[in-house]
Amino acid sequence: MTVQTDSQVELGAELREIAAGIVKQATARGASAAEAVVRDGSEFSTVVRLGEVETLKESGSRAAGLRVFMGQRAASTYTSDLSREGLEQMLSSALSLARVTSEDPYGGLPASSDLGSISGDLDLYYEDVYSLSSAERIEYARRAERAALESDSRITNSEGGSFDAATGSKVLANSLGFVGEYRRSYCSVSAVPIAQSEGGAMQRDYWYSVARTLKKLEAPEQVGRIAAQRTLRRLGARKMPTARVPIVFDSQVSRSLIEHIFEGANGDAVYRSASFLAGKLGQKVAGENVTIVDDGTMVGGFGSSPFDAEGVPTRRTVVVERGVLSSYLLNTYTAKKLGLRTTGNAARGLAGTPGIGAGNFFLQPGSKSPQEIISGIDNGLYVTEFLGFGVNLVTGDFSRGASGLWIRNGELAFPVEEITVAGNLRDMFTNISEIGNDLEFRGSVAAPTLRIDGMTVAGE
């Protein structure tokens, strides 16, 4: 259970007072509805390269945003000046803009009955991410890089080791009486070593750890060693002839594939008919072994929060259940457009209308280990990195540069590069033949190792 200090209680009270005051003034001066968000945060970031500090940033910020409605007209503004004068200028600008914008019958705040905040401690905030001195934080980055450099004589250079930490508080208030707040913390350590072969060819790779608390952060030495291992296995990469073979995507890469389901189920894309999943609700869009969930209520989750950017409680939404598209992800606006109800997925910055954001979006794991999946393939590709962009969300056409390792007789045989993997998202998700048991969250989107059949590997 996270315990608040007196200073944190005072900060929360101050932010609540500012947010509620902005809303009260907006409605008193003619707005039919108003919504305000106030944020306070601190951030630290450093990169150490070859043992020397290359970049160092430490900052604090406070800002507020306001969205007002004049009937069916709306406008939003924001400011980083929380003085009385700064807030007055933000308020006046928003009200002036709202009087001249176009009407939109789908705009507005959520229904009062949709507002609320989930109860209980989501375990999102730890003070210890800021418990280290600046020198100790820099040493975290240095230790990660040093471990990578000392792992093997072929590790000859580095793009650096890094350490980041951040904390933040957010308050949201609207004219329907909702006032909610939460805090988050974050820390990470990473290393990006460079290896050189006897022939002079160089390869780079990376590894990282991210957590809400220092206690759950992997040791910098462990991060550095894994980064070195991932880099060394890329030495001697070769090109391959074009082939149609099974492809295994490691968990870091399969995560980006699952993100395409999020993009396709995004209410904004759906109502614009700009998604390969538009009109597919209730239809089969993947294999029966595929279940994809968005859950903003997971304790300690990187995408968790007690309410979304409109004050609607977050929830667990099954997006794809046993291959069938069972829900889109919606905010109030897109839900109205589609004749549905919000799923509590509103997301936005300080200004602008809400978009759609993921909670903790993931593919449910299977039972096989990555090694068991690989061992079942005589000839195929293990993808460890995507390069560039090549996805048409409307048609589902997929083509991306990639690198990885060739699978031969159930083993990782040698590294490959300068290849392209191509297919169509509909076929790819239907042809997922194996799902690994290695689901691990290193962000708000996660997926285990995947095997997909029927794709083309384009090479020489």
Protein backbone atom coordinates (compact mmCIF):
# COMPACT_ATOMS: atom_id res chain seq x y z
CA MET A 1 0.00 0.00 0.00
CA THR A 2 1.47 3.38 -1.04
CA VAL A 3 1.57 5.85 1.87
CA GLN A 4 1.43 9.57 1.11
CA THR A 5 3.72 12.02 2.88
CA ASP A 6 2.42 15.33 4.16
CA SER A 7 3.99 17.17 1.22
CA GLN A 8 2.28 14.83 -1.24
CA VAL A 9 -1.08 15.35 0.47
CA GLU A 10 -0.56 19.11 0.24
CA LEU A 11 0.42 18.86 -3.44
CA GLY A 12 -2.67 16.80 -4.24
CA ALA A 13 -4.90 19.29 -2.45
CA GLU A 14 -3.30 22.18 -4.32
CA LEU A 15 -3.73 20.52 -7.74
CA ARG A 16 -7.35 19.62 -6.95
CA GLU A 17 -8.06 23.19 -5.93
CA ILE A 18 -6.56 24.54 -9.16
CA ALA A 19 -8.46 22.09 -11.39
CA ALA A 20 -11.80 22.60 -9.64
CA GLY A 21 -11.32 26.36 -9.66
CA ILE A 22 -10.68 26.44 -13.41
CA VAL A 23 -13.85 24.45 -14.08
CA LYS A 24 -15.92 26.63 -11.76
CA GLN A 25 -14.74 29.81 -13.47
CA ALA A 26 -15.34 28.41 -16.96
CA THR A 27 -18.97 27.55 -16.24
CA ALA A 28 -19.54 30.84 -14.41
CA ARG A 29 -18.40 32.67 -17.54
CA GLY A 30 -20.70 30.94 -19.97
CA ALA A 31 -19.36 27.45 -20.72
CA SER A 32 -22.11 24.82 -20.81
CA ALA A 33 -19.53 22.23 -19.71
CA ALA A 34 -15.84 22.21 -18.84
CA GLU A 35 -13.03 19.81 -18.05
CA ALA A 36 -9.60 20.63 -16.59
CA VAL A 37 -6.45 18.61 -16.04
CA VAL A 38 -3.50 19.71 -13.91
CA ARG A 39 -0.14 17.91 -13.83
CA ASP A 40 2.99 18.14 -11.71
CA GLY A 41 6.06 16.05 -12.45
CA SER A 42 9.82 15.57 -12.16
CA GLU A 43 12.12 13.87 -14.64
CA PHE A 44 15.75 12.71 -14.68
CA SER A 45 17.66 11.25 -17.62
CA THR A 46 21.33 10.51 -18.27
CA VAL A 47 23.36 8.75 -20.95
CA VAL A 48 26.90 7.59 -20.23
CA ARG A 49 29.08 6.69 -23.22
CA LEU A 50 32.44 4.97 -22.77
CA GLY A 51 32.29 5.81 -19.10
CA GLU A 52 31.74 9.54 -19.55
CA VAL A 53 28.49 11.45 -19.06
CA GLU A 54 27.22 12.40 -22.50
CA THR A 55 23.82 13.86 -21.61
CA LEU A 56 22.24 14.80 -18.31
CA LYS A 57 18.76 16.22 -17.84
CA GLU A 58 16.83 16.95 -14.69
CA SER A 59 13.63 18.96 -14.78
CA GLY A 60 10.36 19.66 -13.05
CA SER A 61 7.19 20.84 -14.70
CA ARG A 62 3.68 21.98 -13.85
CA ALA A 63 0.96 22.60 -16.39
CA ALA A 64 -2.79 22.78 -16.81
CA GLY A 65 -5.17 22.15 -19.69
CA LEU A 66 -8.79 23.17 -20.20
CA ARG A 67 -11.53 21.95 -22.52
CA VAL A 68 -14.74 23.96 -22.66
CA PHE A 69 -18.06 23.51 -24.45
CA MET A 70 -20.51 26.11 -25.65
CA GLY A 71 -23.40 23.86 -26.54
CA GLN A 72 -22.06 21.79 -29.43
CA ARG A 73 -18.98 23.94 -29.90
CA ALA A 74 -15.73 23.08 -28.12
CA ALA A 75 -12.18 24.38 -27.70
CA SER A 76 -9.15 23.53 -25.62
CA THR A 77 -6.08 25.42 -24.38
CA TYR A 78 -3.21 24.78 -22.00
CA THR A 79 -0.54 26.63 -20.04
CA SER A 80 2.60 25.96 -18.04
CA ASP A 81 2.04 29.18 -16.13
CA LEU A 82 -0.13 28.36 -13.11
CA SER A 83 -0.15 31.89 -11.79
CA ARG A 84 -3.50 33.67 -11.57
CA GLU A 85 -2.63 35.61 -14.72
CA GLY A 86 -1.55 32.51 -16.62
CA LEU A 87 -4.71 30.59 -15.75
CA GLU A 88 -6.86 33.61 -16.64
CA GLN A 89 -5.26 33.83 -20.09
CA MET A 90 -5.83 30.11 -20.67
CA LEU A 91 -9.47 30.39 -19.61
CA SER A 92 -10.19 33.47 -21.71
CA SER A 93 -8.58 31.90 -24.79
CA ALA A 94 -10.61 28.71 -24.45
CA LEU A 95 -13.90 30.56 -24.08
CA SER A 96 -13.14 32.84 -27.04
CA LEU A 97 -12.19 29.92 -29.29
CA ALA A 98 -15.27 27.91 -28.32
CA ARG A 99 -17.54 30.69 -29.56
CA VAL A 100 -16.16 30.48 -33.11
CA THR A 101 -15.50 26.75 -33.65
CA SER A 102 -17.79 24.51 -35.69
CA GLU A 103 -20.59 22.61 -34.03
CA ASP A 104 -20.19 18.88 -33.52
CA PRO A 105 -23.22 16.94 -32.27
CA TYR A 106 -21.00 14.09 -31.04
CA GLY A 107 -18.89 16.24 -28.72
CA GLY A 108 -19.35 16.62 -24.99
CA LEU A 109 -18.41 15.15 -21.64
CA PRO A 110 -19.29 11.56 -20.70
CA ALA A 111 -22.65 10.89 -19.12
CA SER A 112 -22.63 11.40 -15.36
CA SER A 113 -23.41 7.71 -14.92
CA ASP A 114 -20.20 6.78 -16.78
CA LEU A 115 -17.90 8.79 -14.50
CA GLY A 116 -15.95 7.34 -11.61
CA SER A 117 -12.66 5.88 -10.41
CA ILE A 118 -11.78 2.30 -9.58
CA SER A 119 -11.11 1.69 -5.90
CA GLY A 120 -8.02 0.28 -4.32
CA ASP A 121 -4.30 0.96 -4.64
CA LEU A 122 -3.03 0.21 -8.15
CA ASP A 123 0.57 0.31 -6.89
CA LEU A 124 1.65 2.93 -9.44
CA TYR A 125 3.87 5.17 -7.31
CA TYR A 126 7.08 4.63 -5.36
CA GLU A 127 9.19 7.36 -3.81
CA ASP A 128 12.40 5.33 -4.18
CA VAL A 129 12.79 6.15 -7.89
CA TYR A 130 14.02 9.53 -6.65
CA SER A 131 15.91 8.21 -3.62
CA LEU A 132 19.26 8.02 -5.43
CA SER A 133 21.62 10.95 -5.72
CA SER A 134 22.50 12.21 -9.20
CA ALA A 135 25.90 10.53 -8.90
CA GLU A 136 24.26 7.18 -8.05
CA ARG A 137 21.88 7.48 -11.00
CA ILE A 138 24.77 8.17 -13.33
CA GLU A 139 26.58 5.17 -11.85
CA TYR A 140 23.57 2.96 -12.73
CA ALA A 141 24.04 3.91 -16.39
CA ARG A 142 27.81 3.49 -16.15
CA ARG A 143 27.49 0.03 -14.56
CA ALA A 144 25.17 -1.19 -17.33
CA GLU A 145 27.54 0.01 -20.07
CA ARG A 146 30.63 -1.32 -18.26
CA ALA A 147 29.10 -4.79 -17.93
CA ALA A 148 28.42 -4.87 -21.66
CA LEU A 149 31.91 -3.64 -22.60
CA GLU A 150 33.61 -6.15 -20.31
CA SER A 151 31.55 -9.12 -21.53
CA ASP A 152 33.65 -9.89 -24.60
CA SER A 153 36.65 -8.42 -26.41
CA ARG A 154 34.53 -8.10 -29.54
CA ILE A 155 32.42 -5.46 -27.80
CA THR A 156 34.55 -2.52 -28.93
CA ASN A 157 32.22 0.47 -28.68
CA SER A 158 28.93 1.65 -27.26
CA GLU A 159 26.03 3.95 -27.92
CA GLY A 160 25.82 4.29 -24.18
CA GLY A 161 24.21 3.17 -20.98
CA SER A 162 21.26 5.13 -19.67
CA PHE A 163 19.23 5.65 -16.53
CA ASP A 164 15.87 7.42 -16.37
CA ALA A 165 13.50 8.23 -13.55
CA ALA A 166 10.25 10.15 -13.42
CA THR A 167 7.37 10.85 -11.06
CA GLY A 168 4.13 12.63 -11.75
CA SER A 169 0.77 13.61 -10.28
CA LYS A 170 -2.41 14.23 -12.27
CA VAL A 171 -5.77 15.70 -11.29
CA LEU A 172 -8.82 15.71 -13.57
CA ALA A 173 -11.98 17.68 -12.79
CA ASN A 174 -15.12 18.44 -14.79
CA SER A 175 -18.35 20.38 -14.45
CA LEU A 176 -20.34 17.22 -13.72
CA GLY A 177 -18.75 17.07 -10.29
CA PHE A 178 -15.98 14.58 -11.03
CA VAL A 179 -12.59 15.15 -9.39
CA GLY A 180 -9.99 12.40 -9.55
CA GLU A 181 -6.26 12.10 -9.03
CA TYR A 182 -3.41 9.62 -9.16
CA ARG A 183 0.38 9.48 -9.08
CA ARG A 184 2.86 7.41 -11.06
CA SER A 185 6.57 6.66 -10.86
CA TYR A 186 8.96 5.11 -13.34
CA CYS A 187 12.63 4.15 -13.66
CA SER A 188 14.68 2.37 -16.30
CA VAL A 189 18.21 1.30 -17.15
CA SER A 190 19.54 0.27 -20.56
CA ALA A 191 22.68 -0.46 -22.56
CA VAL A 192 23.42 -0.35 -26.30
CA PRO A 193 26.78 -2.00 -27.05
CA ILE A 194 28.50 -2.28 -30.44
CA ALA A 195 30.45 -5.40 -31.47
CA GLN A 196 32.99 -5.77 -34.26
CA SER A 197 33.88 -8.97 -36.13
CA GLU A 198 37.39 -9.94 -37.26
CA GLY A 199 36.48 -8.66 -40.71
CA GLY A 200 35.56 -5.25 -39.32
CA ALA A 201 31.76 -5.54 -39.67
CA MET A 202 29.90 -3.96 -36.76
CA GLN A 203 26.59 -4.83 -35.13
CA ARG A 204 24.59 -3.23 -32.34
CA ASP A 205 21.74 -4.38 -30.13
CA TYR A 206 20.31 -3.39 -26.76
CA TRP A 207 18.61 -4.49 -23.60
CA TYR A 208 16.74 -2.64 -20.88
CA SER A 209 14.74 -2.95 -17.70
CA VAL A 210 11.86 -0.76 -16.61
CA ALA A 211 9.90 -0.71 -13.36
CA ARG A 212 7.71 1.38 -11.10
CA THR A 213 10.21 0.99 -8.27
CA LEU A 214 13.98 0.57 -7.99
CA LYS A 215 13.38 -2.67 -6.09
CA LYS A 216 11.99 -4.33 -9.24
CA LEU A 217 14.56 -2.94 -11.65
CA GLU A 218 16.99 -5.53 -13.00
CA ALA A 219 20.59 -5.04 -11.91
CA PRO A 220 22.53 -2.83 -14.33
CA GLU A 221 25.13 -5.59 -14.74
CA GLN A 222 22.44 -8.06 -15.82
CA VAL A 223 21.08 -5.56 -18.35
CA GLY A 224 24.56 -4.96 -19.76
CA ARG A 225 25.36 -8.66 -20.08
CA ILE A 226 22.12 -9.43 -21.91
CA ALA A 227 22.66 -6.46 -24.22
CA ALA A 228 26.13 -7.84 -25.02
CA GLN A 229 24.80 -11.35 -25.70
CA ARG A 230 22.13 -9.99 -28.03
CA THR A 231 24.74 -7.93 -29.87
CA LEU A 232 27.33 -10.71 -30.22
CA ARG A 233 24.85 -13.14 -31.73
CA ARG A 234 24.39 -10.75 -34.65
CA LEU A 235 28.03 -10.90 -35.75
CA GLY A 236 28.60 -12.62 -39.09
CA ALA A 237 25.08 -11.88 -40.34
CA ARG A 238 24.40 -12.99 -43.90
CA LYS A 239 21.71 -12.51 -46.50
CA MET A 240 19.26 -15.25 -47.42
CA PRO A 241 17.41 -16.11 -50.63
CA THR A 242 13.69 -15.39 -50.82
CA ALA A 243 11.69 -18.18 -49.20
CA ARG A 244 8.31 -18.99 -47.72
CA VAL A 245 9.06 -20.41 -44.29
CA PRO A 246 7.69 -20.37 -40.74
CA ILE A 247 8.66 -17.22 -38.86
CA VAL A 248 9.15 -16.96 -35.12
CA PHE A 249 8.94 -13.45 -33.66
CA ASP A 250 10.68 -12.90 -30.34
CA SER A 251 8.62 -11.24 -27.63
CA GLN A 252 10.09 -7.78 -28.19
CA VAL A 253 9.11 -7.94 -31.87
CA SER A 254 5.75 -9.68 -31.47
CA ARG A 255 4.71 -6.79 -29.25
CA SER A 256 4.77 -4.50 -32.29
CA LEU A 257 2.57 -6.96 -34.19
CA ILE A 258 -0.02 -6.88 -31.40
CA GLU A 259 0.05 -3.09 -31.51
CA HIS A 260 -1.49 -3.34 -34.98
CA ILE A 261 -4.56 -4.96 -33.41
CA PHE A 262 -4.76 -2.00 -31.02
CA GLU A 263 -4.47 0.40 -33.96
CA GLY A 264 -7.13 -1.53 -35.86
CA ALA A 265 -9.53 -1.67 -32.89
CA ASN A 266 -9.02 2.03 -32.18
CA GLY A 267 -12.43 3.73 -32.35
CA ASP A 268 -11.01 6.73 -34.23
CA ALA A 269 -9.76 4.51 -37.06
CA VAL A 270 -12.92 2.40 -37.04
CA TYR A 271 -15.48 5.18 -37.45
CA ARG A 272 -13.37 6.70 -40.21
CA SER A 273 -13.29 3.29 -41.96
CA ALA A 274 -9.50 3.53 -41.86
CA SER A 275 -8.95 0.14 -40.23
CA PHE A 276 -8.78 -3.43 -41.47
CA LEU A 277 -11.04 -4.26 -38.48
CA ALA A 278 -13.79 -1.78 -39.35
CA GLY A 279 -17.14 -3.57 -39.57
CA LYS A 280 -15.66 -6.80 -38.20
CA LEU A 281 -17.20 -6.75 -34.72
CA GLY A 282 -18.36 -10.25 -33.85
CA GLN A 283 -16.42 -11.77 -36.75
CA LYS A 284 -13.38 -14.01 -36.76
CA VAL A 285 -10.20 -11.98 -37.27
CA ALA A 286 -7.56 -14.36 -35.87
CA GLY A 287 -6.95 -18.00 -34.99
CA GLU A 288 -8.88 -19.61 -32.15
CA ASN A 289 -5.71 -19.61 -30.04
CA VAL A 290 -5.63 -15.80 -30.06
CA THR A 291 -7.14 -13.84 -27.17
CA ILE A 292 -6.12 -10.20 -26.79
CA VAL A 293 -7.00 -8.15 -23.72
CA ASP A 294 -6.81 -4.48 -22.76
CA ASP A 295 -6.73 -4.08 -18.99
CA GLY A 296 -6.23 -0.70 -17.36
CA THR A 297 -6.79 -2.12 -13.87
CA MET A 298 -3.72 -4.33 -13.49
CA VAL A 299 -1.89 -3.66 -10.23
CA GLY A 300 1.45 -2.03 -11.02
CA GLY A 301 0.79 -2.05 -14.76
CA PHE A 302 2.57 0.44 -16.98
CA GLY A 303 -0.76 1.32 -18.61
CA SER A 304 -2.87 1.23 -15.44
CA SER A 305 -4.81 4.16 -14.00
CA PRO A 306 -7.97 4.50 -11.88
CA PHE A 307 -9.76 6.47 -14.61
CA ASP A 308 -9.19 7.52 -18.21
CA ALA A 309 -8.64 11.02 -19.63
CA GLU A 310 -12.38 11.77 -19.38
CA GLY A 311 -12.94 10.51 -15.83
CA VAL A 312 -14.39 7.15 -16.86
CA PRO A 313 -13.18 4.19 -14.75
CA THR A 314 -10.65 1.98 -16.50
CA ARG A 315 -11.62 -1.63 -17.02
CA ARG A 316 -10.67 -4.99 -18.47
CA THR A 317 -11.84 -5.32 -22.08
CA VAL A 318 -11.42 -8.49 -24.12
CA VAL A 319 -10.74 -7.16 -27.61
CA VAL A 320 -10.27 -10.50 -29.39
CA GLU A 321 -11.66 -13.64 -27.78
CA ARG A 322 -10.60 -16.97 -29.27
CA GLY A 323 -10.09 -15.29 -32.61
CA VAL A 324 -13.34 -13.28 -32.66
CA LEU A 325 -13.28 -9.47 -32.51
CA SER A 326 -15.44 -8.82 -29.45
CA SER A 327 -14.86 -5.12 -28.76
CA TYR A 328 -13.41 -1.92 -30.12
CA LEU A 329 -11.54 0.48 -27.83
CA LEU A 330 -13.50 3.70 -27.42
CA ASN A 331 -13.72 7.07 -25.76
CA THR A 332 -16.97 9.00 -25.38
CA TYR A 333 -16.76 10.65 -28.80
CA THR A 334 -16.00 7.52 -30.84
CA ALA A 335 -18.59 5.55 -28.86
CA LYS A 336 -21.26 8.08 -29.87
CA LYS A 337 -20.09 7.92 -33.47
CA LEU A 338 -20.42 4.14 -33.53
CA GLY A 339 -23.57 3.89 -31.42
CA LEU A 340 -21.70 2.09 -28.63
CA ARG A 341 -20.53 2.87 -25.08
CA THR A 342 -17.12 4.09 -24.04
CA THR A 343 -14.66 1.43 -22.91
CA GLY A 344 -12.74 3.87 -20.71
CA ASN A 345 -9.88 4.27 -23.17
CA ALA A 346 -9.83 8.06 -23.56
CA ALA A 347 -6.31 9.50 -23.67
CA ARG A 348 -4.98 12.97 -24.28
CA GLY A 349 -2.33 15.49 -23.37
CA LEU A 350 -3.07 18.81 -21.81
CA ALA A 351 -4.74 20.20 -24.92
CA GLY A 352 -6.83 18.83 -27.73
CA THR A 353 -9.74 16.44 -27.86
CA PRO A 354 -9.29 12.98 -26.35
CA GLY A 355 -7.94 10.19 -28.52
CA ILE A 356 -7.73 6.47 -27.75
CA GLY A 357 -5.08 4.98 -25.49
CA ALA A 358 -4.28 1.46 -24.39
CA GLY A 359 -4.38 0.28 -20.82
CA ASN A 360 -2.20 -2.82 -20.51
CA PHE A 361 -2.71 -4.35 -23.95
CA PHE A 362 -1.52 -7.93 -24.35
CA LEU A 363 -1.86 -11.28 -26.07
CA GLN A 364 -2.61 -14.06 -23.62
CA PRO A 365 0.31 -16.51 -23.46
CA GLY A 366 0.40 -20.12 -24.54
CA SER A 367 2.12 -23.10 -22.92
CA LYS A 368 5.33 -23.62 -24.94
CA SER A 369 8.68 -22.04 -24.21
CA PRO A 370 10.40 -20.10 -27.01
CA GLN A 371 12.94 -22.92 -27.32
CA GLU A 372 10.18 -25.50 -27.75
CA ILE A 373 8.64 -23.39 -30.52
CA ILE A 374 11.99 -23.04 -32.29
CA SER A 375 12.80 -26.75 -31.92
CA GLY A 376 9.73 -27.66 -33.97
CA ILE A 377 11.01 -25.86 -37.11
CA ASP A 378 13.38 -27.48 -39.63
CA ASN A 379 13.96 -24.36 -41.70
CA GLY A 380 12.72 -20.88 -40.76
CA LEU A 381 13.44 -17.41 -39.46
CA TYR A 382 13.66 -16.05 -35.91
CA VAL A 383 13.04 -12.29 -36.05
CA THR A 384 14.68 -10.15 -33.36
CA GLU A 385 14.27 -6.69 -34.90
CA PHE A 386 12.04 -4.81 -37.32
CA LEU A 387 13.41 -1.96 -39.41
CA GLY A 388 11.44 0.91 -40.90
CA PHE A 389 7.70 1.05 -41.48
CA GLY A 390 5.53 -0.74 -44.00
CA VAL A 391 2.02 -1.39 -42.69
CA ASN A 392 -1.20 -0.30 -44.38
CA LEU A 393 -3.77 -0.23 -41.59
CA VAL A 394 -6.68 0.03 -44.04
CA THR A 395 -5.83 -3.02 -46.16
CA GLY A 396 -3.75 -4.89 -43.60
CA ASP A 397 -0.81 -5.24 -46.00
CA PHE A 398 2.40 -5.79 -44.06
CA SER A 399 6.00 -5.51 -45.29
CA ARG A 400 8.90 -4.61 -43.03
CA GLY A 401 12.65 -4.93 -43.05
CA ALA A 402 13.96 -7.32 -40.44
CA SER A 403 16.99 -9.02 -38.98
CA GLY A 404 17.38 -12.06 -36.80
CA LEU A 405 18.68 -15.61 -36.82
CA TRP A 406 18.06 -18.50 -39.19
CA ILE A 407 16.53 -21.64 -37.75
CA ARG A 408 17.92 -24.93 -39.03
CA ASN A 409 16.97 -28.34 -37.64
CA GLY A 410 15.31 -26.79 -34.64
CA GLU A 411 18.30 -24.67 -33.64
CA LEU A 412 19.34 -21.04 -34.07
CA ALA A 413 22.04 -21.54 -36.72
CA PHE A 414 23.40 -18.14 -37.84
CA PRO A 415 22.42 -14.45 -37.95
CA VAL A 416 20.71 -12.92 -40.98
CA GLU A 417 20.12 -9.34 -42.09
CA GLU A 418 18.84 -7.23 -45.00
CA ILE A 419 15.65 -9.24 -45.36
CA THR A 420 11.98 -8.28 -45.56
CA VAL A 421 9.04 -10.16 -44.09
CA ALA A 422 5.72 -9.69 -45.85
CA GLY A 423 2.09 -10.77 -45.53
CA ASN A 424 -1.32 -9.42 -44.61
CA LEU A 425 -2.36 -8.76 -41.02
CA ARG A 426 -5.60 -10.72 -41.43
CA ASP A 427 -3.71 -13.78 -42.63
CA MET A 428 -0.91 -13.33 -40.12
CA PHE A 429 -3.19 -13.34 -37.08
CA THR A 430 -5.17 -16.25 -38.51
CA ASN A 431 -1.96 -18.22 -39.10
CA ILE A 432 -0.46 -17.88 -35.62
CA SER A 433 0.34 -21.53 -35.02
CA GLU A 434 2.25 -21.27 -31.71
CA ILE A 435 2.14 -18.82 -28.81
CA GLY A 436 4.91 -18.82 -26.23
CA ASN A 437 4.65 -18.78 -22.45
CA ASP A 438 7.07 -15.84 -22.07
CA LEU A 439 4.65 -12.93 -21.67
CA GLU A 440 6.48 -10.14 -19.86
CA PHE A 441 5.53 -6.49 -19.51
CA ARG A 442 8.29 -4.00 -20.30
CA GLY A 443 5.73 -1.36 -21.18
CA SER A 444 1.97 -1.06 -21.57
CA VAL A 445 1.88 -3.40 -24.62
CA ALA A 446 3.18 -6.96 -24.36
CA ALA A 447 3.12 -10.25 -26.23
CA PRO A 448 4.93 -13.58 -25.94
CA THR A 449 6.98 -15.27 -28.65
CA LEU A 450 4.89 -16.09 -31.74
CA ARG A 451 5.17 -18.51 -34.64
CA ILE A 452 3.36 -17.46 -37.81
CA ASP A 453 3.17 -19.67 -40.90
CA GLY A 454 2.62 -18.68 -44.52
CA MET A 455 4.69 -15.49 -44.65
CA THR A 456 7.31 -14.62 -47.23
CA VAL A 457 10.89 -13.81 -46.34
CA ALA A 458 12.30 -11.68 -49.16
CA GLY A 459 16.07 -11.67 -49.48
CA GLU A 460 18.52 -12.07 -52.32
